[in-house]
Amino acid sequence: MQSFNSYNFMLLNLESRIREILEQEQPSINRPDVLKELLGLIDLTTLSGNDTTEKVISLCKSAISFKDNQLSIPNVAAVCVYPVFAQTVNNELKGTDVQTACVAGAFPSGQSPLFVRLQEVKYAIEMGADEIDMVISRGKLIEGDEDFVWDEVSQIKEACGDVHLKVILETGELKTVDLIRKACEISILGGGDFLKTSTGKIQPAATPEAFLIMLDTIKEFYKKTGKMIGIKAAGGISEPEDAILYYLLVKGVLGKKWLSPKYFRIGASRLADKLMGEIGEE
């Protein structure tokens, strides 16, 4: 599969570029406003083997408890769960502005036959999922089978229809710049609406360096086609400072129009309460 543009690996200095972007963008933000904005970008997530209906309902109640119009505090963007809880989440969030998101397609490994993965995606949507977070087959990409990865993304996107598809790259397993870049390109060309860093199930999870490669790819695609692709950081983002870092990278590379739930998300389980704690101190 051909790249849609050229990425000059020889000129990359990711850590230096990250520092430059943060130094440029940090002085221009109003921290209290950004904290509120970040709250509205969160996919409030529980993806544990011991998840229960009671736990998921409690998470949904938390998700819709933040909004305060007088203080300009939004609710989170979505609640993200396994497909077996999709109907529960959809029922609990009915009538709100919070979306039902599901990991589907043999999350987190992706190591199931494609027809099985497609059935899980279809099931999640039938149960009420507004958004699907899939994982690519990292092993296939590592061994050079790019067509397999394109095919799985395109077929899952076809199954999604108008339901937004976030494609999880699991960058910590891809490791190299060229593989992360290739995963971005395949996922976009296969029809993904979002690129997502990681499952949160391995280390390293989200990293600013991998995130920057993803941002660069989205920017190049936008310059060539005019189409905006979303981006989601997930895995180990639990502190406001971490969330602000990713916010500033999006702002510095892609610009302000990406700073909305339609194009930028943060997957987290503990971040929302910490943001609210700091907002309450302002």
C-alpha atoms as a PDB file:
ATOM      1  CA  MET A   1       0.000   0.000   0.000  1.00  0.00           C
ATOM      2  CA  GLN A   2       1.343   3.415  -0.980  1.00  0.00           C
ATOM      3  CA  SER A   3       1.736   6.295   1.452  1.00  0.00           C
ATOM      4  CA  PHE A   4      -0.497   9.274   0.734  1.00  0.00           C
ATOM      5  CA  ASN A   5       2.429  11.591   1.375  1.00  0.00           C
ATOM      6  CA  SER A   6       6.085  11.478   2.275  1.00  0.00           C
ATOM      7  CA  TYR A   7       7.270  11.657   5.876  1.00  0.00           C
ATOM      8  CA  ASN A   8      10.918  12.594   6.211  1.00  0.00           C
ATOM      9  CA  PHE A   9      12.174  10.406   9.035  1.00  0.00           C
ATOM     10  CA  MET A  10      15.664  11.880   8.803  1.00  0.00           C
ATOM     11  CA  LEU A  11      14.365  15.292   9.864  1.00  0.00           C
ATOM     12  CA  LEU A  12      12.405  13.998  12.838  1.00  0.00           C
ATOM     13  CA  ASN A  13      13.365  15.078  16.308  1.00  0.00           C
ATOM     14  CA  LEU A  14      10.191  14.336  18.168  1.00  0.00           C
ATOM     15  CA  GLU A  15      11.272  15.307  21.678  1.00  0.00           C
ATOM     16  CA  SER A  16      12.658  18.645  20.493  1.00  0.00           C
ATOM     17  CA  ARG A  17       9.518  19.413  18.513  1.00  0.00           C
ATOM     18  CA  ILE A  18       7.322  18.571  21.485  1.00  0.00           C
ATOM     19  CA  ARG A  19       9.266  20.992  23.678  1.00  0.00           C
ATOM     20  CA  GLU A  20       8.992  23.723  21.053  1.00  0.00           C
ATOM     21  CA  ILE A  21       5.234  23.265  20.665  1.00  0.00           C
ATOM     22  CA  LEU A  22       4.654  23.326  24.421  1.00  0.00           C
ATOM     23  CA  GLU A  23       6.822  26.429  24.867  1.00  0.00           C
ATOM     24  CA  GLN A  24       4.917  28.177  22.093  1.00  0.00           C
ATOM     25  CA  GLU A  25       1.387  27.202  23.144  1.00  0.00           C
ATOM     26  CA  GLN A  26       1.565  27.164  26.958  1.00  0.00           C
ATOM     27  CA  PRO A  27       1.610  30.958  27.485  1.00  0.00           C
ATOM     28  CA  SER A  28      -1.509  31.482  25.359  1.00  0.00           C
ATOM     29  CA  ILE A  29      -3.940  29.334  27.337  1.00  0.00           C
ATOM     30  CA  ASN A  30      -6.235  30.164  30.243  1.00  0.00           C
ATOM     31  CA  ARG A  31      -5.854  27.174  32.552  1.00  0.00           C
ATOM     32  CA  PRO A  32      -9.343  27.273  34.191  1.00  0.00           C
ATOM     33  CA  ASP A  33     -11.004  27.422  30.762  1.00  0.00           C
ATOM     34  CA  VAL A  34      -8.834  24.614  29.411  1.00  0.00           C
ATOM     35  CA  LEU A  35      -9.676  22.377  32.382  1.00  0.00           C
ATOM     36  CA  LYS A  36     -13.382  22.774  31.613  1.00  0.00           C
ATOM     37  CA  GLU A  37     -12.770  22.187  27.928  1.00  0.00           C
ATOM     38  CA  LEU A  38     -10.808  19.022  28.684  1.00  0.00           C
ATOM     39  CA  LEU A  39     -13.659  17.641  30.778  1.00  0.00           C
ATOM     40  CA  GLY A  40     -15.878  17.786  27.702  1.00  0.00           C
ATOM     41  CA  LEU A  41     -13.331  15.830  25.656  1.00  0.00           C
ATOM     42  CA  ILE A  42     -13.168  12.756  27.910  1.00  0.00           C
ATOM     43  CA  ASP A  43     -14.352   9.261  27.017  1.00  0.00           C
ATOM     44  CA  LEU A  44     -15.078   8.118  30.587  1.00  0.00           C
ATOM     45  CA  THR A  45     -13.938   4.524  30.496  1.00  0.00           C
ATOM     46  CA  THR A  46     -14.206   1.235  32.328  1.00  0.00           C
ATOM     47  CA  LEU A  47     -12.708  -1.822  30.621  1.00  0.00           C
ATOM     48  CA  SER A  48     -12.044  -4.299  33.405  1.00  0.00           C
ATOM     49  CA  GLY A  49     -12.772  -8.002  33.565  1.00  0.00           C
ATOM     50  CA  ASN A  50     -14.718  -7.432  36.793  1.00  0.00           C
ATOM     51  CA  ASP A  51     -17.017  -4.731  35.389  1.00  0.00           C
ATOM     52  CA  THR A  52     -20.604  -5.178  36.572  1.00  0.00           C
ATOM     53  CA  THR A  53     -23.895  -3.639  35.535  1.00  0.00           C
ATOM     54  CA  GLU A  54     -23.963  -1.735  38.819  1.00  0.00           C
ATOM     55  CA  LYS A  55     -20.468  -0.333  38.202  1.00  0.00           C
ATOM     56  CA  VAL A  56     -21.362   0.734  34.659  1.00  0.00           C
ATOM     57  CA  ILE A  57     -24.589   2.421  35.783  1.00  0.00           C
ATOM     58  CA  SER A  58     -22.620   4.293  38.455  1.00  0.00           C
ATOM     59  CA  LEU A  59     -20.145   5.441  35.801  1.00  0.00           C
ATOM     60  CA  CYS A  60     -22.987   6.700  33.606  1.00  0.00           C
ATOM     61  CA  LYS A  61     -24.494   8.653  36.500  1.00  0.00           C
ATOM     62  CA  SER A  62     -21.083  10.219  37.089  1.00  0.00           C
ATOM     63  CA  ALA A  63     -20.736  11.035  33.381  1.00  0.00           C
ATOM     64  CA  ILE A  64     -23.905  13.142  33.345  1.00  0.00           C
ATOM     65  CA  SER A  65     -23.327  14.784  36.733  1.00  0.00           C
ATOM     66  CA  PHE A  66     -20.684  17.319  35.708  1.00  0.00           C
ATOM     67  CA  LYS A  67     -22.684  19.739  33.601  1.00  0.00           C
ATOM     68  CA  ASP A  68     -23.221  23.214  35.051  1.00  0.00           C
ATOM     69  CA  ASN A  69     -24.399  25.769  32.515  1.00  0.00           C
ATOM     70  CA  GLN A  70     -23.878  28.690  34.875  1.00  0.00           C
ATOM     71  CA  LEU A  71     -20.200  27.806  35.317  1.00  0.00           C
ATOM     72  CA  SER A  72     -19.761  26.655  31.682  1.00  0.00           C
ATOM     73  CA  ILE A  73     -18.862  23.137  32.805  1.00  0.00           C
ATOM     74  CA  PRO A  74     -19.782  20.414  30.276  1.00  0.00           C
ATOM     75  CA  ASN A  75     -20.459  16.737  30.685  1.00  0.00           C
ATOM     76  CA  VAL A  76     -17.878  14.281  29.374  1.00  0.00           C
ATOM     77  CA  ALA A  77     -18.069  13.353  25.677  1.00  0.00           C
ATOM     78  CA  ALA A  78     -18.789   9.623  26.014  1.00  0.00           C
ATOM     79  CA  VAL A  79     -18.871   6.580  28.246  1.00  0.00           C
ATOM     80  CA  CYS A  80     -16.713   3.752  26.857  1.00  0.00           C
ATOM     81  CA  VAL A  81     -17.384   0.119  27.809  1.00  0.00           C
ATOM     82  CA  TYR A  82     -17.354  -3.447  26.495  1.00  0.00           C
ATOM     83  CA  PRO A  83     -20.209  -4.365  24.093  1.00  0.00           C
ATOM     84  CA  VAL A  84     -22.098  -6.394  26.725  1.00  0.00           C
ATOM     85  CA  PHE A  85     -22.805  -3.107  28.519  1.00  0.00           C
ATOM     86  CA  ALA A  86     -23.759  -1.065  25.430  1.00  0.00           C
ATOM     87  CA  GLN A  87     -27.496  -1.315  26.011  1.00  0.00           C
ATOM     88  CA  THR A  88     -27.138  -0.411  29.681  1.00  0.00           C
ATOM     89  CA  VAL A  89     -25.079   2.679  28.833  1.00  0.00           C
ATOM     90  CA  ASN A  90     -27.393   3.688  26.011  1.00  0.00           C
ATOM     91  CA  ASN A  91     -30.406   3.484  28.326  1.00  0.00           C
ATOM     92  CA  GLU A  92     -28.699   5.425  31.109  1.00  0.00           C
ATOM     93  CA  LEU A  93     -27.519   8.200  28.765  1.00  0.00           C
ATOM     94  CA  LYS A  94     -30.751   8.568  26.806  1.00  0.00           C
ATOM     95  CA  GLY A  95     -31.753  12.203  26.434  1.00  0.00           C
ATOM     96  CA  THR A  96     -28.268  13.502  27.268  1.00  0.00           C
ATOM     97  CA  ASP A  97     -25.431  14.784  25.087  1.00  0.00           C
ATOM     98  CA  VAL A  98     -23.093  11.966  26.201  1.00  0.00           C
ATOM     99  CA  GLN A  99     -22.318   9.288  23.602  1.00  0.00           C
ATOM    100  CA  THR A 100     -22.231   5.503  24.047  1.00  0.00           C
ATOM    101  CA  ALA A 101     -18.820   4.205  22.975  1.00  0.00           C
ATOM    102  CA  CYS A 102     -17.762   0.554  22.818  1.00  0.00           C
ATOM    103  CA  VAL A 103     -14.485  -1.222  22.284  1.00  0.00           C
ATOM    104  CA  ALA A 104     -15.242  -3.999  19.812  1.00  0.00           C
ATOM    105  CA  GLY A 105     -13.486  -6.346  17.435  1.00  0.00           C
ATOM    106  CA  ALA A 106     -11.564  -8.558  19.894  1.00  0.00           C
ATOM    107  CA  PHE A 107     -10.264  -5.721  22.057  1.00  0.00           C
ATOM    108  CA  PRO A 108      -7.491  -5.459  23.214  1.00  0.00           C
ATOM    109  CA  SER A 109      -5.541  -8.026  21.171  1.00  0.00           C
ATOM    110  CA  GLY A 110      -7.442  -8.096  17.881  1.00  0.00           C
ATOM    111  CA  GLN A 111      -6.474 -11.759  17.672  1.00  0.00           C
ATOM    112  CA  SER A 112      -9.746 -13.247  16.476  1.00  0.00           C
ATOM    113  CA  PRO A 113     -11.007 -14.097  12.993  1.00  0.00           C
ATOM    114  CA  LEU A 114     -12.295 -11.034  11.182  1.00  0.00           C
ATOM    115  CA  PHE A 115     -15.823 -12.408  10.790  1.00  0.00           C
ATOM    116  CA  VAL A 116     -16.026 -12.834  14.578  1.00  0.00           C
ATOM    117  CA  ARG A 117     -14.766  -9.305  15.122  1.00  0.00           C
ATOM    118  CA  LEU A 118     -17.295  -7.924  12.653  1.00  0.00           C
ATOM    119  CA  GLN A 119     -20.128  -9.668  14.464  1.00  0.00           C
ATOM    120  CA  GLU A 120     -19.054  -8.102  17.748  1.00  0.00           C
ATOM    121  CA  VAL A 121     -18.999  -4.656  16.133  1.00  0.00           C
ATOM    122  CA  LYS A 122     -22.473  -5.180  14.669  1.00  0.00           C
ATOM    123  CA  TYR A 123     -23.750  -6.429  18.030  1.00  0.00           C
ATOM    124  CA  ALA A 124     -22.417  -3.342  19.844  1.00  0.00           C
ATOM    125  CA  ILE A 125     -24.135  -1.055  17.346  1.00  0.00           C
ATOM    126  CA  GLU A 126     -27.414  -2.990  17.593  1.00  0.00           C
ATOM    127  CA  MET A 127     -27.234  -2.575  21.375  1.00  0.00           C
ATOM    128  CA  GLY A 128     -26.900   1.202  21.051  1.00  0.00           C
ATOM    129  CA  ALA A 129     -23.240   2.113  20.479  1.00  0.00           C
ATOM    130  CA  ASP A 130     -22.767   5.533  18.859  1.00  0.00           C
ATOM    131  CA  GLU A 131     -19.010   5.009  18.517  1.00  0.00           C
ATOM    132  CA  ILE A 132     -16.762   1.979  18.036  1.00  0.00           C
ATOM    133  CA  ASP A 133     -13.133   1.747  19.186  1.00  0.00           C
ATOM    134  CA  MET A 134     -11.434  -1.092  17.260  1.00  0.00           C
ATOM    135  CA  VAL A 135      -7.865  -2.394  17.396  1.00  0.00           C
ATOM    136  CA  ILE A 136      -5.722  -3.168  14.378  1.00  0.00           C
ATOM    137  CA  SER A 137      -3.835  -6.447  14.017  1.00  0.00           C
ATOM    138  CA  ARG A 138      -0.412  -5.241  15.085  1.00  0.00           C
ATOM    139  CA  GLY A 139       1.200  -8.606  14.419  1.00  0.00           C
ATOM    140  CA  LYS A 140       0.069  -8.518  10.792  1.00  0.00           C
ATOM    141  CA  LEU A 141       1.473  -5.021  10.332  1.00  0.00           C
ATOM    142  CA  ILE A 142       4.782  -5.962  11.979  1.00  0.00           C
ATOM    143  CA  GLU A 143       5.193  -8.901   9.610  1.00  0.00           C
ATOM    144  CA  GLY A 144       4.435  -6.655   6.626  1.00  0.00           C
ATOM    145  CA  ASP A 145       0.865  -7.613   5.747  1.00  0.00           C
ATOM    146  CA  GLU A 146      -0.414  -4.068   5.222  1.00  0.00           C
ATOM    147  CA  ASP A 147      -3.305  -5.212   3.023  1.00  0.00           C
ATOM    148  CA  PHE A 148      -4.712  -7.319   5.864  1.00  0.00           C
ATOM    149  CA  VAL A 149      -4.804  -4.299   8.175  1.00  0.00           C
ATOM    150  CA  TRP A 150      -6.392  -2.091   5.501  1.00  0.00           C
ATOM    151  CA  ASP A 151      -9.004  -4.785   4.861  1.00  0.00           C
ATOM    152  CA  GLU A 152      -9.953  -5.164   8.515  1.00  0.00           C
ATOM    153  CA  VAL A 153     -10.298  -1.412   9.014  1.00  0.00           C
ATOM    154  CA  SER A 154     -12.347  -0.970   5.844  1.00  0.00           C
ATOM    155  CA  GLN A 155     -14.664  -3.885   6.628  1.00  0.00           C
ATOM    156  CA  ILE A 156     -15.232  -2.744  10.194  1.00  0.00           C
ATOM    157  CA  LYS A 157     -15.897   0.794   8.957  1.00  0.00           C
ATOM    158  CA  GLU A 158     -18.415  -0.597   6.478  1.00  0.00           C
ATOM    159  CA  ALA A 159     -20.118  -2.418   9.352  1.00  0.00           C
ATOM    160  CA  CYS A 160     -20.153   0.831  11.348  1.00  0.00           C
ATOM    161  CA  GLY A 161     -21.871   2.893   8.660  1.00  0.00           C
ATOM    162  CA  ASP A 162     -22.503   6.329  10.180  1.00  0.00           C
ATOM    163  CA  VAL A 163     -21.257   5.193  13.604  1.00  0.00           C
ATOM    164  CA  HIS A 164     -17.894   6.827  14.293  1.00  0.00           C
ATOM    165  CA  LEU A 165     -14.920   4.479  14.132  1.00  0.00           C
ATOM    166  CA  LYS A 166     -11.851   5.092  16.281  1.00  0.00           C
ATOM    167  CA  VAL A 167      -8.901   2.961  15.190  1.00  0.00           C
ATOM    168  CA  ILE A 168      -6.540   1.956  18.008  1.00  0.00           C
ATOM    169  CA  LEU A 169      -2.950   1.606  16.801  1.00  0.00           C
ATOM    170  CA  GLU A 170      -1.406   0.325  20.074  1.00  0.00           C
ATOM    171  CA  THR A 171       1.698   2.379  19.360  1.00  0.00           C
ATOM    172  CA  GLY A 172       3.618   0.837  22.260  1.00  0.00           C
ATOM    173  CA  GLU A 173       3.706  -2.462  20.359  1.00  0.00           C
ATOM    174  CA  LEU A 174       4.577  -0.880  16.997  1.00  0.00           C
ATOM    175  CA  LYS A 175       7.547   0.912  18.584  1.00  0.00           C
ATOM    176  CA  THR A 176       9.148   2.481  15.479  1.00  0.00           C
ATOM    177  CA  VAL A 177       8.330   5.734  13.735  1.00  0.00           C
ATOM    178  CA  ASP A 178       7.842   4.062  10.368  1.00  0.00           C
ATOM    179  CA  LEU A 179       5.413   1.438  11.710  1.00  0.00           C
ATOM    180  CA  ILE A 180       3.382   4.026  13.629  1.00  0.00           C
ATOM    181  CA  ARG A 181       3.274   6.222  10.531  1.00  0.00           C
ATOM    182  CA  LYS A 182       2.212   3.282   8.358  1.00  0.00           C
ATOM    183  CA  ALA A 183      -0.516   2.305  10.837  1.00  0.00           C
ATOM    184  CA  CYS A 184      -1.844   5.883  10.727  1.00  0.00           C
ATOM    185  CA  GLU A 185      -1.957   5.927   6.935  1.00  0.00           C
ATOM    186  CA  ILE A 186      -3.651   2.541   6.617  1.00  0.00           C
ATOM    187  CA  SER A 187      -6.216   3.405   9.279  1.00  0.00           C
ATOM    188  CA  ILE A 188      -7.122   6.701   7.624  1.00  0.00           C
ATOM    189  CA  LEU A 189      -7.228   5.290   4.095  1.00  0.00           C
ATOM    190  CA  GLY A 190      -9.271   2.331   5.354  1.00  0.00           C
ATOM    191  CA  GLY A 191     -11.984   4.719   6.537  1.00  0.00           C
ATOM    192  CA  GLY A 192     -11.221   5.370  10.208  1.00  0.00           C
ATOM    193  CA  ASP A 193     -12.798   8.552  11.584  1.00  0.00           C
ATOM    194  CA  PHE A 194     -10.303   8.773  14.485  1.00  0.00           C
ATOM    195  CA  LEU A 195      -6.792   7.596  15.233  1.00  0.00           C
ATOM    196  CA  LYS A 196      -6.325   6.395  18.815  1.00  0.00           C
ATOM    197  CA  THR A 197      -3.012   5.785  20.561  1.00  0.00           C
ATOM    198  CA  SER A 198      -3.538   2.690  22.638  1.00  0.00           C
ATOM    199  CA  THR A 199      -5.742   0.253  24.526  1.00  0.00           C
ATOM    200  CA  GLY A 200      -4.361   1.167  27.928  1.00  0.00           C
ATOM    201  CA  LYS A 201      -3.610  -2.522  28.475  1.00  0.00           C
ATOM    202  CA  ILE A 202       0.138  -2.447  27.750  1.00  0.00           C
ATOM    203  CA  GLN A 203       3.118  -0.229  28.550  1.00  0.00           C
ATOM    204  CA  PRO A 204       4.018   2.147  27.103  1.00  0.00           C
ATOM    205  CA  ALA A 205       0.494   3.333  26.378  1.00  0.00           C
ATOM    206  CA  ALA A 206      -0.029   6.889  25.114  1.00  0.00           C
ATOM    207  CA  THR A 207       3.212   8.792  24.555  1.00  0.00           C
ATOM    208  CA  PRO A 208       3.656  12.361  23.281  1.00  0.00           C
ATOM    209  CA  GLU A 209       6.135  11.122  20.638  1.00  0.00           C
ATOM    210  CA  ALA A 210       3.711   8.629  19.083  1.00  0.00           C
ATOM    211  CA  PHE A 211       0.916  11.175  19.389  1.00  0.00           C
ATOM    212  CA  LEU A 212       2.967  13.705  17.417  1.00  0.00           C
ATOM    213  CA  ILE A 213       3.495  11.230  14.566  1.00  0.00           C
ATOM    214  CA  MET A 214      -0.270  10.706  14.494  1.00  0.00           C
ATOM    215  CA  LEU A 215      -0.910  14.457  14.470  1.00  0.00           C
ATOM    216  CA  ASP A 216       1.561  14.972  11.625  1.00  0.00           C
ATOM    217  CA  THR A 217      -0.161  12.270   9.563  1.00  0.00           C
ATOM    218  CA  ILE A 218      -3.602  13.777  10.149  1.00  0.00           C
ATOM    219  CA  LYS A 219      -2.294  17.221   9.191  1.00  0.00           C
ATOM    220  CA  GLU A 220      -0.761  15.948   5.947  1.00  0.00           C
ATOM    221  CA  PHE A 221      -3.966  14.118   5.043  1.00  0.00           C
ATOM    222  CA  TYR A 222      -6.015  17.244   5.752  1.00  0.00           C
ATOM    223  CA  LYS A 223      -3.746  19.397   3.584  1.00  0.00           C
ATOM    224  CA  LYS A 224      -4.130  16.952   0.711  1.00  0.00           C
ATOM    225  CA  THR A 225      -7.859  16.183   0.994  1.00  0.00           C
ATOM    226  CA  GLY A 226      -9.494  18.806   3.202  1.00  0.00           C
ATOM    227  CA  LYS A 227     -10.900  16.018   5.397  1.00  0.00           C
ATOM    228  CA  MET A 228     -10.526  16.277   9.169  1.00  0.00           C
ATOM    229  CA  ILE A 229      -9.612  13.049  11.002  1.00  0.00           C
ATOM    230  CA  GLY A 230     -10.037  12.918  14.762  1.00  0.00           C
ATOM    231  CA  ILE A 231      -7.458  11.851  17.327  1.00  0.00           C
ATOM    232  CA  LYS A 232      -7.746  10.192  20.736  1.00  0.00           C
ATOM    233  CA  ALA A 233      -5.106   9.850  23.405  1.00  0.00           C
ATOM    234  CA  ALA A 234      -5.696   6.960  25.810  1.00  0.00           C
ATOM    235  CA  GLY A 235      -3.737   4.947  28.331  1.00  0.00           C
ATOM    236  CA  GLY A 236      -2.254   6.300  31.536  1.00  0.00           C
ATOM    237  CA  ILE A 237      -3.690   9.816  31.236  1.00  0.00           C
ATOM    238  CA  SER A 238      -4.927  10.464  34.751  1.00  0.00           C
ATOM    239  CA  GLU A 239      -3.481  13.858  35.713  1.00  0.00           C
ATOM    240  CA  PRO A 240      -4.605  17.298  34.460  1.00  0.00           C
ATOM    241  CA  GLU A 241      -1.033  18.126  33.425  1.00  0.00           C
ATOM    242  CA  ASP A 242      -0.908  15.076  31.147  1.00  0.00           C
ATOM    243  CA  ALA A 243      -4.206  16.023  29.526  1.00  0.00           C
ATOM    244  CA  ILE A 244      -3.057  19.625  29.014  1.00  0.00           C
ATOM    245  CA  LEU A 245       0.089  18.354  27.265  1.00  0.00           C
ATOM    246  CA  TYR A 246      -1.967  16.443  24.675  1.00  0.00           C
ATOM    247  CA  TYR A 247      -4.352  19.385  24.327  1.00  0.00           C
ATOM    248  CA  LEU A 248      -1.443  21.707  23.549  1.00  0.00           C
ATOM    249  CA  LEU A 249       0.015  19.296  20.994  1.00  0.00           C
ATOM    250  CA  VAL A 250      -3.314  19.146  19.166  1.00  0.00           C
ATOM    251  CA  LYS A 251      -3.632  22.928  19.284  1.00  0.00           C
ATOM    252  CA  GLY A 252      -0.056  23.484  18.117  1.00  0.00           C
ATOM    253  CA  VAL A 253      -0.091  21.012  15.221  1.00  0.00           C
ATOM    254  CA  LEU A 254      -3.702  20.911  14.022  1.00  0.00           C
ATOM    255  CA  GLY A 255      -5.135  24.171  15.333  1.00  0.00           C
ATOM    256  CA  LYS A 256      -8.124  25.245  17.401  1.00  0.00           C
ATOM    257  CA  LYS A 257     -10.772  23.726  15.134  1.00  0.00           C
ATOM    258  CA  TRP A 258      -9.657  20.257  16.270  1.00  0.00           C
ATOM    259  CA  LEU A 259     -10.326  21.149  19.918  1.00  0.00           C
ATOM    260  CA  SER A 260     -13.849  19.759  20.077  1.00  0.00           C
ATOM    261  CA  PRO A 261     -15.324  16.353  20.978  1.00  0.00           C
ATOM    262  CA  LYS A 262     -15.953  15.747  17.272  1.00  0.00           C
ATOM    263  CA  TYR A 263     -12.207  15.607  16.576  1.00  0.00           C
ATOM    264  CA  PHE A 264     -10.331  15.206  19.875  1.00  0.00           C
ATOM    265  CA  ARG A 265     -10.895  12.797  22.759  1.00  0.00           C
ATOM    266  CA  ILE A 266      -9.026  11.599  25.812  1.00  0.00           C
ATOM    267  CA  GLY A 267      -9.772   8.113  27.127  1.00  0.00           C
ATOM    268  CA  ALA A 268      -9.560   8.043  30.913  1.00  0.00           C
ATOM    269  CA  SER A 269     -11.160   6.647  34.045  1.00  0.00           C
ATOM    270  CA  ARG A 270      -9.810   8.946  36.773  1.00  0.00           C
ATOM    271  CA  LEU A 271      -9.084  12.197  34.952  1.00  0.00           C
ATOM    272  CA  ALA A 272     -12.610  13.652  35.063  1.00  0.00           C
ATOM    273  CA  ASP A 273     -12.811  13.712  38.863  1.00  0.00           C
ATOM    274  CA  LYS A 274      -9.343  15.261  39.106  1.00  0.00           C
ATOM    275  CA  LEU A 275     -10.267  17.971  36.607  1.00  0.00           C
ATOM    276  CA  MET A 276     -13.449  18.719  38.553  1.00  0.00           C
ATOM    277  CA  GLY A 277     -11.449  18.858  41.759  1.00  0.00           C
ATOM    278  CA  GLU A 278      -9.194  21.527  40.331  1.00  0.00           C
ATOM    279  CA  ILE A 279     -12.061  23.396  38.640  1.00  0.00           C
ATOM    280  CA  GLY A 280     -13.821  23.541  42.017  1.00  0.00           C
ATOM    281  CA  GLU A 281     -10.772  25.181  43.575  1.00  0.00           C
ATOM    282  CA  GLU A 282     -10.731  28.013  41.031  1.00  0.00           C
END
